Full PDB file with SEQRES, HELIX, SHEET, SSBOND, CRYST1, ORIGX, SCALE, CONECT and MASTER records, all heavy atoms in Angstrom:
SEQRES   1 A   41  GLU TYR ASP VAL GLU GLU TYR GLU ARG ALA ARG ASP LEU          
SEQRES   2 A   41  TYR GLU ARG LEU LEU ARG ARG THR SER HIS VAL LYS VAL          
SEQRES   3 A   41  TRP VAL SER PHE ALA GLN PHE GLU GLY ASN VAL GLY MET          
SEQRES   4 A   41  ALA GLU                                                      
HELIX    1 AA1 TYR A    7  ARG A   20  1                                  14    
HELIX    2 AA2 VAL A   24  ALA A   40  1                                  17    
CRYST1    1.000    1.000    1.000  90.00  90.00  90.00 P 1           1          
ORIGX1      1.000000  0.000000  0.000000        0.00000                         
ORIGX2      0.000000  1.000000  0.000000        0.00000                         
ORIGX3      0.000000  0.000000  1.000000        0.00000                         
SCALE1      1.000000  0.000000  0.000000        0.00000                         
SCALE2      0.000000  1.000000  0.000000        0.00000                         
SCALE3      0.000000  0.000000  1.000000        0.00000                         
ATOM      1  N   GLU A   1       3.383   2.515  -8.754  1.00  0.00           N  
ATOM      2  CA  GLU A   1       4.677   1.950  -8.033  1.00  0.00           C  
ATOM      3  C   GLU A   1       4.571   0.386  -7.971  1.00  0.00           C  
ATOM      4  O   GLU A   1       5.656  -0.196  -8.078  1.00  0.00           O  
ATOM      5  CB  GLU A   1       4.699   2.620  -6.713  1.00  0.00           C  
ATOM      6  CG  GLU A   1       4.877   4.098  -6.708  1.00  0.00           C  
ATOM      7  CD  GLU A   1       6.231   4.626  -7.261  1.00  0.00           C  
ATOM      8  OE1 GLU A   1       7.023   3.764  -7.678  1.00  0.00           O  
ATOM      9  OE2 GLU A   1       6.317   5.849  -7.329  1.00  0.00           O  
ATOM     10  N   TYR A   2       3.333  -0.071  -7.803  1.00  0.00           N  
ATOM     11  CA  TYR A   2       3.224  -1.479  -7.712  1.00  0.00           C  
ATOM     12  C   TYR A   2       3.629  -2.156  -9.014  1.00  0.00           C  
ATOM     13  O   TYR A   2       4.334  -3.187  -9.125  1.00  0.00           O  
ATOM     14  CB  TYR A   2       1.810  -1.956  -7.261  1.00  0.00           C  
ATOM     15  CG  TYR A   2       1.562  -3.365  -7.240  1.00  0.00           C  
ATOM     16  CD1 TYR A   2       1.860  -4.130  -6.018  1.00  0.00           C  
ATOM     17  CD2 TYR A   2       1.177  -4.182  -8.381  1.00  0.00           C  
ATOM     18  CE1 TYR A   2       1.674  -5.489  -5.962  1.00  0.00           C  
ATOM     19  CE2 TYR A   2       0.958  -5.538  -8.194  1.00  0.00           C  
ATOM     20  CZ  TYR A   2       1.140  -6.196  -7.083  1.00  0.00           C  
ATOM     21  OH  TYR A   2       1.050  -7.533  -6.993  1.00  0.00           O  
ATOM     22  N   ASP A   3       3.165  -1.607 -10.141  1.00  0.00           N  
ATOM     23  CA  ASP A   3       3.385  -2.149 -11.473  1.00  0.00           C  
ATOM     24  C   ASP A   3       4.846  -2.109 -11.811  1.00  0.00           C  
ATOM     25  O   ASP A   3       5.317  -2.978 -12.527  1.00  0.00           O  
ATOM     26  CB  ASP A   3       2.601  -1.347 -12.511  1.00  0.00           C  
ATOM     27  CG  ASP A   3       1.080  -1.678 -12.401  1.00  0.00           C  
ATOM     28  OD1 ASP A   3       0.755  -2.645 -11.849  1.00  0.00           O  
ATOM     29  OD2 ASP A   3       0.336  -0.881 -12.915  1.00  0.00           O  
ATOM     30  N   VAL A   4       5.670  -1.038 -11.251  1.00  0.00           N  
ATOM     31  CA  VAL A   4       7.078  -1.052 -11.575  1.00  0.00           C  
ATOM     32  C   VAL A   4       7.891  -1.742 -10.462  1.00  0.00           C  
ATOM     33  O   VAL A   4       9.108  -1.575 -10.492  1.00  0.00           O  
ATOM     34  CB  VAL A   4       7.587   0.435 -11.859  1.00  0.00           C  
ATOM     35  CG1 VAL A   4       6.851   0.946 -13.072  1.00  0.00           C  
ATOM     36  CG2 VAL A   4       7.374   1.282 -10.660  1.00  0.00           C  
ATOM     37  N   GLU A   5       7.189  -2.400  -9.582  1.00  0.00           N  
ATOM     38  CA  GLU A   5       7.701  -3.260  -8.461  1.00  0.00           C  
ATOM     39  C   GLU A   5       8.570  -2.363  -7.577  1.00  0.00           C  
ATOM     40  O   GLU A   5       9.579  -2.816  -6.934  1.00  0.00           O  
ATOM     41  CB  GLU A   5       8.660  -4.402  -9.114  1.00  0.00           C  
ATOM     42  CG  GLU A   5       7.832  -5.345  -9.967  1.00  0.00           C  
ATOM     43  CD  GLU A   5       8.674  -6.391 -10.551  1.00  0.00           C  
ATOM     44  OE1 GLU A   5       9.818  -6.596 -10.075  1.00  0.00           O  
ATOM     45  OE2 GLU A   5       8.142  -7.188 -11.324  1.00  0.00           O  
ATOM     46  N   GLU A   6       8.124  -1.129  -7.351  1.00  0.00           N  
ATOM     47  CA  GLU A   6       8.764  -0.251  -6.362  1.00  0.00           C  
ATOM     48  C   GLU A   6       7.836  -0.402  -5.099  1.00  0.00           C  
ATOM     49  O   GLU A   6       7.117   0.595  -4.702  1.00  0.00           O  
ATOM     50  CB  GLU A   6       8.875   1.228  -6.802  1.00  0.00           C  
ATOM     51  CG  GLU A   6       9.842   1.359  -7.929  1.00  0.00           C  
ATOM     52  CD  GLU A   6      11.304   1.387  -7.400  1.00  0.00           C  
ATOM     53  OE1 GLU A   6      11.509   1.282  -6.145  1.00  0.00           O  
ATOM     54  OE2 GLU A   6      12.274   1.445  -8.208  1.00  0.00           O  
ATOM     55  N   TYR A   7       7.963  -1.449  -4.367  1.00  0.00           N  
ATOM     56  CA  TYR A   7       7.019  -1.717  -3.305  1.00  0.00           C  
ATOM     57  C   TYR A   7       7.282  -0.786  -2.160  1.00  0.00           C  
ATOM     58  O   TYR A   7       6.299  -0.364  -1.412  1.00  0.00           O  
ATOM     59  CB  TYR A   7       7.166  -3.155  -2.936  1.00  0.00           C  
ATOM     60  CG  TYR A   7       6.924  -4.194  -3.968  1.00  0.00           C  
ATOM     61  CD1 TYR A   7       7.618  -5.245  -4.211  1.00  0.00           C  
ATOM     62  CD2 TYR A   7       5.747  -3.967  -4.887  1.00  0.00           C  
ATOM     63  CE1 TYR A   7       7.438  -6.202  -5.302  1.00  0.00           C  
ATOM     64  CE2 TYR A   7       5.524  -4.832  -5.919  1.00  0.00           C  
ATOM     65  CZ  TYR A   7       6.305  -5.983  -6.091  1.00  0.00           C  
ATOM     66  OH  TYR A   7       6.079  -6.889  -7.148  1.00  0.00           O  
ATOM     67  N   GLU A   8       8.515  -0.523  -1.795  1.00  0.00           N  
ATOM     68  CA  GLU A   8       8.756   0.407  -0.731  1.00  0.00           C  
ATOM     69  C   GLU A   8       8.240   1.839  -0.949  1.00  0.00           C  
ATOM     70  O   GLU A   8       7.671   2.400  -0.064  1.00  0.00           O  
ATOM     71  CB  GLU A   8      10.277   0.474  -0.459  1.00  0.00           C  
ATOM     72  CG  GLU A   8      10.856  -0.693   0.322  1.00  0.00           C  
ATOM     73  CD  GLU A   8      10.152  -0.887   1.697  1.00  0.00           C  
ATOM     74  OE1 GLU A   8       9.828   0.203   2.353  1.00  0.00           O  
ATOM     75  OE2 GLU A   8      10.060  -2.045   2.048  1.00  0.00           O  
ATOM     76  N   ARG A   9       8.247   2.239  -2.194  1.00  0.00           N  
ATOM     77  CA  ARG A   9       7.719   3.591  -2.578  1.00  0.00           C  
ATOM     78  C   ARG A   9       6.168   3.497  -2.356  1.00  0.00           C  
ATOM     79  O   ARG A   9       5.598   4.470  -1.887  1.00  0.00           O  
ATOM     80  CB  ARG A   9       8.051   4.004  -3.901  1.00  0.00           C  
ATOM     81  CG  ARG A   9       9.505   4.352  -4.257  1.00  0.00           C  
ATOM     82  CD  ARG A   9       9.712   4.715  -5.657  1.00  0.00           C  
ATOM     83  NE  ARG A   9      11.094   5.083  -5.940  1.00  0.00           N  
ATOM     84  CZ  ARG A   9      11.601   6.322  -5.870  1.00  0.00           C  
ATOM     85  NH1 ARG A   9      10.819   7.262  -5.462  1.00  0.00           N  
ATOM     86  NH2 ARG A   9      12.827   6.467  -6.156  1.00  0.00           N  
ATOM     87  N   ALA A  10       5.585   2.381  -2.712  1.00  0.00           N  
ATOM     88  CA  ALA A  10       4.120   2.289  -2.597  1.00  0.00           C  
ATOM     89  C   ALA A  10       3.786   2.248  -1.046  1.00  0.00           C  
ATOM     90  O   ALA A  10       2.744   2.925  -0.667  1.00  0.00           O  
ATOM     91  CB  ALA A  10       3.639   1.030  -3.241  1.00  0.00           C  
ATOM     92  N   ARG A  11       4.531   1.595  -0.309  1.00  0.00           N  
ATOM     93  CA  ARG A  11       4.290   1.627   1.189  1.00  0.00           C  
ATOM     94  C   ARG A  11       4.408   3.017   1.751  1.00  0.00           C  
ATOM     95  O   ARG A  11       3.569   3.492   2.583  1.00  0.00           O  
ATOM     96  CB  ARG A  11       5.298   0.688   1.903  1.00  0.00           C  
ATOM     97  CG  ARG A  11       5.083  -0.808   1.628  1.00  0.00           C  
ATOM     98  CD  ARG A  11       6.050  -1.653   2.556  1.00  0.00           C  
ATOM     99  NE  ARG A  11       5.771  -3.071   2.195  1.00  0.00           N  
ATOM    100  CZ  ARG A  11       6.555  -3.707   1.491  1.00  0.00           C  
ATOM    101  NH1 ARG A  11       7.628  -3.195   0.948  1.00  0.00           N  
ATOM    102  NH2 ARG A  11       6.360  -4.998   1.216  1.00  0.00           N  
ATOM    103  N   ASP A  12       5.425   3.748   1.281  1.00  0.00           N  
ATOM    104  CA  ASP A  12       5.559   5.147   1.765  1.00  0.00           C  
ATOM    105  C   ASP A  12       4.369   6.016   1.371  1.00  0.00           C  
ATOM    106  O   ASP A  12       3.861   6.816   2.129  1.00  0.00           O  
ATOM    107  CB  ASP A  12       6.804   5.798   1.042  1.00  0.00           C  
ATOM    108  CG  ASP A  12       8.063   5.296   1.760  1.00  0.00           C  
ATOM    109  OD1 ASP A  12       7.984   4.567   2.825  1.00  0.00           O  
ATOM    110  OD2 ASP A  12       9.160   5.413   1.115  1.00  0.00           O  
ATOM    111  N   LEU A  13       3.729   5.758   0.222  1.00  0.00           N  
ATOM    112  CA  LEU A  13       2.572   6.549  -0.229  1.00  0.00           C  
ATOM    113  C   LEU A  13       1.368   6.109   0.703  1.00  0.00           C  
ATOM    114  O   LEU A  13       0.640   7.044   0.993  1.00  0.00           O  
ATOM    115  CB  LEU A  13       2.214   6.140  -1.698  1.00  0.00           C  
ATOM    116  CG  LEU A  13       3.214   6.670  -2.722  1.00  0.00           C  
ATOM    117  CD1 LEU A  13       2.850   6.129  -4.149  1.00  0.00           C  
ATOM    118  CD2 LEU A  13       3.236   8.203  -2.719  1.00  0.00           C  
ATOM    119  N   TYR A  14       1.243   4.823   1.055  1.00  0.00           N  
ATOM    120  CA  TYR A  14       0.165   4.481   1.927  1.00  0.00           C  
ATOM    121  C   TYR A  14       0.322   5.233   3.250  1.00  0.00           C  
ATOM    122  O   TYR A  14      -0.667   5.706   3.859  1.00  0.00           O  
ATOM    123  CB  TYR A  14       0.114   3.056   2.129  1.00  0.00           C  
ATOM    124  CG  TYR A  14      -0.722   2.240   1.163  1.00  0.00           C  
ATOM    125  CD1 TYR A  14      -0.188   1.337   0.275  1.00  0.00           C  
ATOM    126  CD2 TYR A  14      -2.065   2.361   1.070  1.00  0.00           C  
ATOM    127  CE1 TYR A  14      -0.933   0.585  -0.700  1.00  0.00           C  
ATOM    128  CE2 TYR A  14      -2.948   1.731   0.209  1.00  0.00           C  
ATOM    129  CZ  TYR A  14      -2.309   0.827  -0.711  1.00  0.00           C  
ATOM    130  OH  TYR A  14      -3.052   0.118  -1.573  1.00  0.00           O  
ATOM    131  N   GLU A  15       1.579   5.236   3.849  1.00  0.00           N  
ATOM    132  CA  GLU A  15       1.792   5.915   5.012  1.00  0.00           C  
ATOM    133  C   GLU A  15       1.448   7.375   4.857  1.00  0.00           C  
ATOM    134  O   GLU A  15       0.916   7.987   5.854  1.00  0.00           O  
ATOM    135  CB  GLU A  15       3.252   5.744   5.439  1.00  0.00           C  
ATOM    136  CG  GLU A  15       3.626   4.208   5.797  1.00  0.00           C  
ATOM    137  CD  GLU A  15       2.820   3.711   6.982  1.00  0.00           C  
ATOM    138  OE1 GLU A  15       2.179   4.392   7.755  1.00  0.00           O  
ATOM    139  OE2 GLU A  15       2.947   2.484   7.173  1.00  0.00           O  
ATOM    140  N   ARG A  16       1.882   7.986   3.731  1.00  0.00           N  
ATOM    141  CA  ARG A  16       1.505   9.441   3.589  1.00  0.00           C  
ATOM    142  C   ARG A  16       0.038   9.673   3.567  1.00  0.00           C  
ATOM    143  O   ARG A  16      -0.604  10.599   4.149  1.00  0.00           O  
ATOM    144  CB  ARG A  16       2.120   9.990   2.375  1.00  0.00           C  
ATOM    145  CG  ARG A  16       3.612  10.175   2.359  1.00  0.00           C  
ATOM    146  CD  ARG A  16       4.221  10.565   1.044  1.00  0.00           C  
ATOM    147  NE  ARG A  16       3.570  11.778   0.489  1.00  0.00           N  
ATOM    148  CZ  ARG A  16       3.849  12.354  -0.702  1.00  0.00           C  
ATOM    149  NH1 ARG A  16       4.755  11.778  -1.435  1.00  0.00           N  
ATOM    150  NH2 ARG A  16       3.253  13.392  -1.049  1.00  0.00           N  
ATOM    151  N   LEU A  17      -0.663   8.720   2.859  1.00  0.00           N  
ATOM    152  CA  LEU A  17      -2.098   8.886   2.701  1.00  0.00           C  
ATOM    153  C   LEU A  17      -2.832   8.616   4.042  1.00  0.00           C  
ATOM    154  O   LEU A  17      -3.808   9.354   4.388  1.00  0.00           O  
ATOM    155  CB  LEU A  17      -2.670   7.803   1.754  1.00  0.00           C  
ATOM    156  CG  LEU A  17      -4.128   7.788   1.467  1.00  0.00           C  
ATOM    157  CD1 LEU A  17      -4.657   9.182   0.956  1.00  0.00           C  
ATOM    158  CD2 LEU A  17      -4.440   6.696   0.312  1.00  0.00           C  
ATOM    159  N   LEU A  18      -2.335   7.817   4.871  1.00  0.00           N  
ATOM    160  CA  LEU A  18      -2.921   7.589   6.209  1.00  0.00           C  
ATOM    161  C   LEU A  18      -2.698   8.716   7.093  1.00  0.00           C  
ATOM    162  O   LEU A  18      -3.417   8.961   8.121  1.00  0.00           O  
ATOM    163  CB  LEU A  18      -2.345   6.330   6.821  1.00  0.00           C  
ATOM    164  CG  LEU A  18      -2.804   4.990   6.268  1.00  0.00           C  
ATOM    165  CD1 LEU A  18      -2.001   3.811   6.744  1.00  0.00           C  
ATOM    166  CD2 LEU A  18      -4.320   4.741   6.670  1.00  0.00           C  
ATOM    167  N   ARG A  19      -1.610   9.493   6.884  1.00  0.00           N  
ATOM    168  CA  ARG A  19      -1.514  10.783   7.691  1.00  0.00           C  
ATOM    169  C   ARG A  19      -2.542  11.815   7.291  1.00  0.00           C  
ATOM    170  O   ARG A  19      -2.809  12.726   8.065  1.00  0.00           O  
ATOM    171  CB  ARG A  19      -0.038  11.338   7.549  1.00  0.00           C  
ATOM    172  CG  ARG A  19       0.977  10.451   8.253  1.00  0.00           C  
ATOM    173  CD  ARG A  19       2.273  11.243   8.376  1.00  0.00           C  
ATOM    174  NE  ARG A  19       2.994  11.358   7.084  1.00  0.00           N  
ATOM    175  CZ  ARG A  19       3.809  10.508   6.499  1.00  0.00           C  
ATOM    176  NH1 ARG A  19       4.045   9.372   7.168  1.00  0.00           N  
ATOM    177  NH2 ARG A  19       4.413  10.664   5.386  1.00  0.00           N  
ATOM    178  N   ARG A  20      -3.089  11.614   6.043  1.00  0.00           N  
ATOM    179  CA  ARG A  20      -4.093  12.611   5.591  1.00  0.00           C  
ATOM    180  C   ARG A  20      -5.566  12.152   6.020  1.00  0.00           C  
ATOM    181  O   ARG A  20      -6.351  12.873   6.309  1.00  0.00           O  
ATOM    182  CB  ARG A  20      -3.993  12.836   4.122  1.00  0.00           C  
ATOM    183  CG  ARG A  20      -2.736  13.434   3.607  1.00  0.00           C  
ATOM    184  CD  ARG A  20      -2.904  13.814   2.200  1.00  0.00           C  
ATOM    185  NE  ARG A  20      -1.689  14.503   1.684  1.00  0.00           N  
ATOM    186  CZ  ARG A  20      -1.673  15.305   0.603  1.00  0.00           C  
ATOM    187  NH1 ARG A  20      -2.769  15.569  -0.054  1.00  0.00           N  
ATOM    188  NH2 ARG A  20      -0.538  15.846   0.264  1.00  0.00           N  
ATOM    189  N   THR A  21      -5.766  10.811   5.882  1.00  0.00           N  
ATOM    190  CA  THR A  21      -7.022  10.191   6.167  1.00  0.00           C  
ATOM    191  C   THR A  21      -6.795   8.841   6.597  1.00  0.00           C  
ATOM    192  O   THR A  21      -6.085   8.045   5.951  1.00  0.00           O  
ATOM    193  CB  THR A  21      -7.962  10.154   4.930  1.00  0.00           C  
ATOM    194  OG1 THR A  21      -9.128   9.585   5.367  1.00  0.00           O  
ATOM    195  CG2 THR A  21      -7.335   9.654   3.694  1.00  0.00           C  
ATOM    196  N   SER A  22      -7.459   8.373   7.685  1.00  0.00           N  
ATOM    197  CA  SER A  22      -7.393   7.022   8.092  1.00  0.00           C  
ATOM    198  C   SER A  22      -8.646   6.338   7.838  1.00  0.00           C  
ATOM    199  O   SER A  22      -9.134   5.445   8.707  1.00  0.00           O  
ATOM    200  CB  SER A  22      -7.029   6.999   9.689  1.00  0.00           C  
ATOM    201  OG  SER A  22      -8.009   7.641  10.424  1.00  0.00           O  
ATOM    202  N   HIS A  23      -9.213   6.568   6.741  1.00  0.00           N  
ATOM    203  CA  HIS A  23     -10.467   5.820   6.337  1.00  0.00           C  
ATOM    204  C   HIS A  23     -10.196   4.397   6.231  1.00  0.00           C  
ATOM    205  O   HIS A  23      -9.200   3.905   5.834  1.00  0.00           O  
ATOM    206  CB  HIS A  23     -10.967   6.402   4.948  1.00  0.00           C  
ATOM    207  CG  HIS A  23     -12.258   6.061   4.610  1.00  0.00           C  
ATOM    208  ND1 HIS A  23     -12.686   4.845   4.226  1.00  0.00           N  
ATOM    209  CD2 HIS A  23     -13.449   6.870   4.562  1.00  0.00           C  
ATOM    210  CE1 HIS A  23     -14.009   4.926   3.958  1.00  0.00           C  
ATOM    211  NE2 HIS A  23     -14.438   6.131   4.186  1.00  0.00           N  
ATOM    212  N   VAL A  24     -11.261   3.635   6.649  1.00  0.00           N  
ATOM    213  CA  VAL A  24     -11.181   2.117   6.692  1.00  0.00           C  
ATOM    214  C   VAL A  24     -10.749   1.593   5.315  1.00  0.00           C  
ATOM    215  O   VAL A  24     -10.000   0.605   5.240  1.00  0.00           O  
ATOM    216  CB  VAL A  24     -12.369   1.547   7.167  1.00  0.00           C  
ATOM    217  CG1 VAL A  24     -13.568   1.761   6.285  1.00  0.00           C  
ATOM    218  CG2 VAL A  24     -12.241   0.098   7.456  1.00  0.00           C  
ATOM    219  N   LYS A  25     -11.181   2.286   4.184  1.00  0.00           N  
ATOM    220  CA  LYS A  25     -10.901   1.841   2.851  1.00  0.00           C  
ATOM    221  C   LYS A  25      -9.477   1.790   2.596  1.00  0.00           C  
ATOM    222  O   LYS A  25      -8.845   0.976   1.885  1.00  0.00           O  
ATOM    223  CB  LYS A  25     -11.662   2.533   1.797  1.00  0.00           C  
ATOM    224  CG  LYS A  25     -13.222   2.209   1.771  1.00  0.00           C  
ATOM    225  CD  LYS A  25     -13.742   3.020   0.609  1.00  0.00           C  
ATOM    226  CE  LYS A  25     -15.276   2.648   0.569  1.00  0.00           C  
ATOM    227  NZ  LYS A  25     -15.969   3.467  -0.482  1.00  0.00           N  
ATOM    228  N   VAL A  26      -8.707   2.720   3.135  1.00  0.00           N  
ATOM    229  CA  VAL A  26      -7.266   2.873   2.995  1.00  0.00           C  
ATOM    230  C   VAL A  26      -6.560   1.727   3.698  1.00  0.00           C  
ATOM    231  O   VAL A  26      -5.718   1.118   3.178  1.00  0.00           O  
ATOM    232  CB  VAL A  26      -6.738   4.248   3.468  1.00  0.00           C  
ATOM    233  CG1 VAL A  26      -5.228   4.345   3.286  1.00  0.00           C  
ATOM    234  CG2 VAL A  26      -7.516   5.382   2.700  1.00  0.00           C  
ATOM    235  N   TRP A  27      -7.050   1.467   4.990  1.00  0.00           N  
ATOM    236  CA  TRP A  27      -6.405   0.343   5.690  1.00  0.00           C  
ATOM    237  C   TRP A  27      -6.649  -0.961   4.928  1.00  0.00           C  
ATOM    238  O   TRP A  27      -5.737  -1.815   4.870  1.00  0.00           O  
ATOM    239  CB  TRP A  27      -7.071   0.198   7.122  1.00  0.00           C  
ATOM    240  CG  TRP A  27      -6.739   1.341   7.974  1.00  0.00           C  
ATOM    241  CD1 TRP A  27      -7.448   2.334   8.521  1.00  0.00           C  
ATOM    242  CD2 TRP A  27      -5.342   1.583   8.566  1.00  0.00           C  
ATOM    243  NE1 TRP A  27      -6.647   3.151   9.304  1.00  0.00           N  
ATOM    244  CE2 TRP A  27      -5.427   2.628   9.429  1.00  0.00           C  
ATOM    245  CE3 TRP A  27      -4.149   0.860   8.495  1.00  0.00           C  
ATOM    246  CZ2 TRP A  27      -4.381   3.206  10.167  1.00  0.00           C  
ATOM    247  CZ3 TRP A  27      -3.039   1.283   9.227  1.00  0.00           C  
ATOM    248  CH2 TRP A  27      -3.125   2.405   9.962  1.00  0.00           C  
ATOM    249  N   VAL A  28      -7.871  -1.258   4.415  1.00  0.00           N  
ATOM    250  CA  VAL A  28      -8.089  -2.374   3.716  1.00  0.00           C  
ATOM    251  C   VAL A  28      -7.266  -2.541   2.471  1.00  0.00           C  
ATOM    252  O   VAL A  28      -6.729  -3.584   2.155  1.00  0.00           O  
ATOM    253  CB  VAL A  28      -9.615  -2.515   3.352  1.00  0.00           C  
ATOM    254  CG1 VAL A  28      -9.925  -3.754   2.434  1.00  0.00           C  
ATOM    255  CG2 VAL A  28     -10.519  -2.665   4.595  1.00  0.00           C  
ATOM    256  N   SER A  29      -7.187  -1.447   1.710  1.00  0.00           N  
ATOM    257  CA  SER A  29      -6.412  -1.413   0.449  1.00  0.00           C  
ATOM    258  C   SER A  29      -4.953  -1.691   0.797  1.00  0.00           C  
ATOM    259  O   SER A  29      -4.242  -2.520   0.085  1.00  0.00           O  
ATOM    260  CB  SER A  29      -6.493  -0.150  -0.204  1.00  0.00           C  
ATOM    261  OG  SER A  29      -5.677  -0.025  -1.363  1.00  0.00           O  
ATOM    262  N   PHE A  30      -4.345  -1.110   1.866  1.00  0.00           N  
ATOM    263  CA  PHE A  30      -3.005  -1.304   2.305  1.00  0.00           C  
ATOM    264  C   PHE A  30      -2.792  -2.779   2.661  1.00  0.00           C  
ATOM    265  O   PHE A  30      -1.781  -3.362   2.219  1.00  0.00           O  
ATOM    266  CB  PHE A  30      -2.764  -0.400   3.517  1.00  0.00           C  
ATOM    267  CG  PHE A  30      -1.295  -0.242   3.868  1.00  0.00           C  
ATOM    268  CD1 PHE A  30      -0.874   0.644   4.891  1.00  0.00           C  
ATOM    269  CD2 PHE A  30      -0.286  -0.855   3.156  1.00  0.00           C  
ATOM    270  CE1 PHE A  30       0.377   0.746   5.232  1.00  0.00           C  
ATOM    271  CE2 PHE A  30       1.111  -0.675   3.415  1.00  0.00           C  
ATOM    272  CZ  PHE A  30       1.463   0.143   4.538  1.00  0.00           C  
ATOM    273  N   ALA A  31      -3.734  -3.424   3.371  1.00  0.00           N  
ATOM    274  CA  ALA A  31      -3.594  -4.783   3.690  1.00  0.00           C  
ATOM    275  C   ALA A  31      -3.590  -5.706   2.465  1.00  0.00           C  
ATOM    276  O   ALA A  31      -2.742  -6.576   2.251  1.00  0.00           O  
ATOM    277  CB  ALA A  31      -4.717  -5.202   4.548  1.00  0.00           C  
ATOM    278  N   GLN A  32      -4.512  -5.354   1.461  1.00  0.00           N  
ATOM    279  CA  GLN A  32      -4.503  -6.119   0.279  1.00  0.00           C  
ATOM    280  C   GLN A  32      -3.238  -5.999  -0.492  1.00  0.00           C  
ATOM    281  O   GLN A  32      -2.714  -7.003  -1.086  1.00  0.00           O  
ATOM    282  CB  GLN A  32      -5.708  -5.660  -0.616  1.00  0.00           C  
ATOM    283  CG  GLN A  32      -7.058  -6.092  -0.160  1.00  0.00           C  
ATOM    284  CD  GLN A  32      -8.176  -5.617  -1.106  1.00  0.00           C  
ATOM    285  OE1 GLN A  32      -8.399  -4.422  -1.307  1.00  0.00           O  
ATOM    286  NE2 GLN A  32      -8.846  -6.544  -1.675  1.00  0.00           N  
ATOM    287  N   PHE A  33      -2.682  -4.781  -0.488  1.00  0.00           N  
ATOM    288  CA  PHE A  33      -1.419  -4.565  -1.198  1.00  0.00           C  
ATOM    289  C   PHE A  33      -0.304  -5.419  -0.674  1.00  0.00           C  
ATOM    290  O   PHE A  33       0.452  -6.029  -1.423  1.00  0.00           O  
ATOM    291  CB  PHE A  33      -1.041  -3.014  -1.013  1.00  0.00           C  
ATOM    292  CG  PHE A  33       0.432  -2.776  -1.271  1.00  0.00           C  
ATOM    293  CD1 PHE A  33       0.913  -2.595  -2.526  1.00  0.00           C  
ATOM    294  CD2 PHE A  33       1.282  -2.586  -0.164  1.00  0.00           C  
ATOM    295  CE1 PHE A  33       2.307  -2.247  -2.783  1.00  0.00           C  
ATOM    296  CE2 PHE A  33       2.628  -2.315  -0.354  1.00  0.00           C  
ATOM    297  CZ  PHE A  33       3.116  -2.215  -1.680  1.00  0.00           C  
ATOM    298  N   GLU A  34      -0.212  -5.501   0.696  1.00  0.00           N  
ATOM    299  CA  GLU A  34       0.844  -6.281   1.258  1.00  0.00           C  
ATOM    300  C   GLU A  34       0.669  -7.772   0.899  1.00  0.00           C  
ATOM    301  O   GLU A  34       1.677  -8.489   0.590  1.00  0.00           O  
ATOM    302  CB  GLU A  34       0.875  -6.204   2.859  1.00  0.00           C  
ATOM    303  CG  GLU A  34       1.370  -4.757   3.275  1.00  0.00           C  
ATOM    304  CD  GLU A  34       2.821  -4.526   2.968  1.00  0.00           C  
ATOM    305  OE1 GLU A  34       3.503  -5.392   2.247  1.00  0.00           O  
ATOM    306  OE2 GLU A  34       3.336  -3.493   3.437  1.00  0.00           O  
ATOM    307  N   GLY A  35      -0.540  -8.252   0.895  1.00  0.00           N  
ATOM    308  CA  GLY A  35      -0.790  -9.555   0.580  1.00  0.00           C  
ATOM    309  C   GLY A  35      -0.404  -9.880  -0.949  1.00  0.00           C  
ATOM    310  O   GLY A  35       0.104 -10.917  -1.359  1.00  0.00           O  
ATOM    311  N   ASN A  36      -0.838  -8.899  -1.728  1.00  0.00           N  
ATOM    312  CA  ASN A  36      -0.487  -9.042  -3.221  1.00  0.00           C  
ATOM    313  C   ASN A  36       1.025  -8.929  -3.520  1.00  0.00           C  
ATOM    314  O   ASN A  36       1.514  -9.591  -4.351  1.00  0.00           O  
ATOM    315  CB  ASN A  36      -1.141  -7.937  -4.023  1.00  0.00           C  
ATOM    316  CG  ASN A  36      -2.667  -8.161  -4.093  1.00  0.00           C  
ATOM    317  OD1 ASN A  36      -3.094  -9.219  -4.057  1.00  0.00           O  
ATOM    318  ND2 ASN A  36      -3.425  -7.052  -4.236  1.00  0.00           N  
ATOM    319  N   VAL A  37       1.782  -8.106  -2.681  1.00  0.00           N  
ATOM    320  CA  VAL A  37       3.219  -8.118  -2.822  1.00  0.00           C  
ATOM    321  C   VAL A  37       3.788  -9.447  -2.455  1.00  0.00           C  
ATOM    322  O   VAL A  37       4.744  -9.960  -3.229  1.00  0.00           O  
ATOM    323  CB  VAL A  37       3.845  -6.994  -1.977  1.00  0.00           C  
ATOM    324  CG1 VAL A  37       5.377  -7.125  -1.851  1.00  0.00           C  
ATOM    325  CG2 VAL A  37       3.520  -5.629  -2.498  1.00  0.00           C  
ATOM    326  N   GLY A  38       3.304 -10.076  -1.439  1.00  0.00           N  
ATOM    327  CA  GLY A  38       3.721 -11.492  -1.144  1.00  0.00           C  
ATOM    328  C   GLY A  38       3.477 -12.510  -2.303  1.00  0.00           C  
ATOM    329  O   GLY A  38       4.365 -13.183  -2.641  1.00  0.00           O  
ATOM    330  N   MET A  39       2.370 -12.359  -2.844  1.00  0.00           N  
ATOM    331  CA  MET A  39       2.040 -13.232  -3.933  1.00  0.00           C  
ATOM    332  C   MET A  39       2.935 -12.903  -5.194  1.00  0.00           C  
ATOM    333  O   MET A  39       3.417 -13.833  -5.893  1.00  0.00           O  
ATOM    334  CB  MET A  39       0.559 -13.068  -4.380  1.00  0.00           C  
ATOM    335  CG  MET A  39      -0.402 -13.498  -3.355  1.00  0.00           C  
ATOM    336  SD  MET A  39      -0.384 -15.224  -2.938  1.00  0.00           S  
ATOM    337  CE  MET A  39      -1.129 -15.898  -4.516  1.00  0.00           C  
ATOM    338  N   ALA A  40       3.227 -11.653  -5.518  1.00  0.00           N  
ATOM    339  CA  ALA A  40       4.065 -11.249  -6.572  1.00  0.00           C  
ATOM    340  C   ALA A  40       5.476 -11.765  -6.342  1.00  0.00           C  
ATOM    341  O   ALA A  40       6.147 -12.242  -7.276  1.00  0.00           O  
ATOM    342  CB  ALA A  40       4.078  -9.754  -6.755  1.00  0.00           C  
ATOM    343  N   GLU A  41       5.980 -11.651  -5.071  1.00  0.00           N  
ATOM    344  CA  GLU A  41       7.347 -12.036  -4.826  1.00  0.00           C  
ATOM    345  C   GLU A  41       7.434 -13.584  -4.961  1.00  0.00           C  
ATOM    346  O   GLU A  41       8.430 -14.100  -5.376  1.00  0.00           O  
ATOM    347  CB  GLU A  41       7.765 -11.533  -3.426  1.00  0.00           C  
ATOM    348  CG  GLU A  41       7.951 -10.041  -3.409  1.00  0.00           C  
ATOM    349  CD  GLU A  41       8.224  -9.533  -2.038  1.00  0.00           C  
ATOM    350  OE1 GLU A  41       7.825 -10.199  -1.033  1.00  0.00           O  
ATOM    351  OE2 GLU A  41       8.793  -8.357  -1.936  1.00  0.00           O  
TER     352      GLU A  41                                                      
MASTER        0    0    0    2    0    0    0    6  351    1    0    4          
END                                                                             
């Protein structure tokens, strides 16, 4: 989803994943994603 620039879809996936597991690695990856989206934009 990131590669095809569907950032909202990617955010929805992170939210779905966090409902399954709130592992710290998911939170870190989500934060990196948001920073990377800012850089891409």
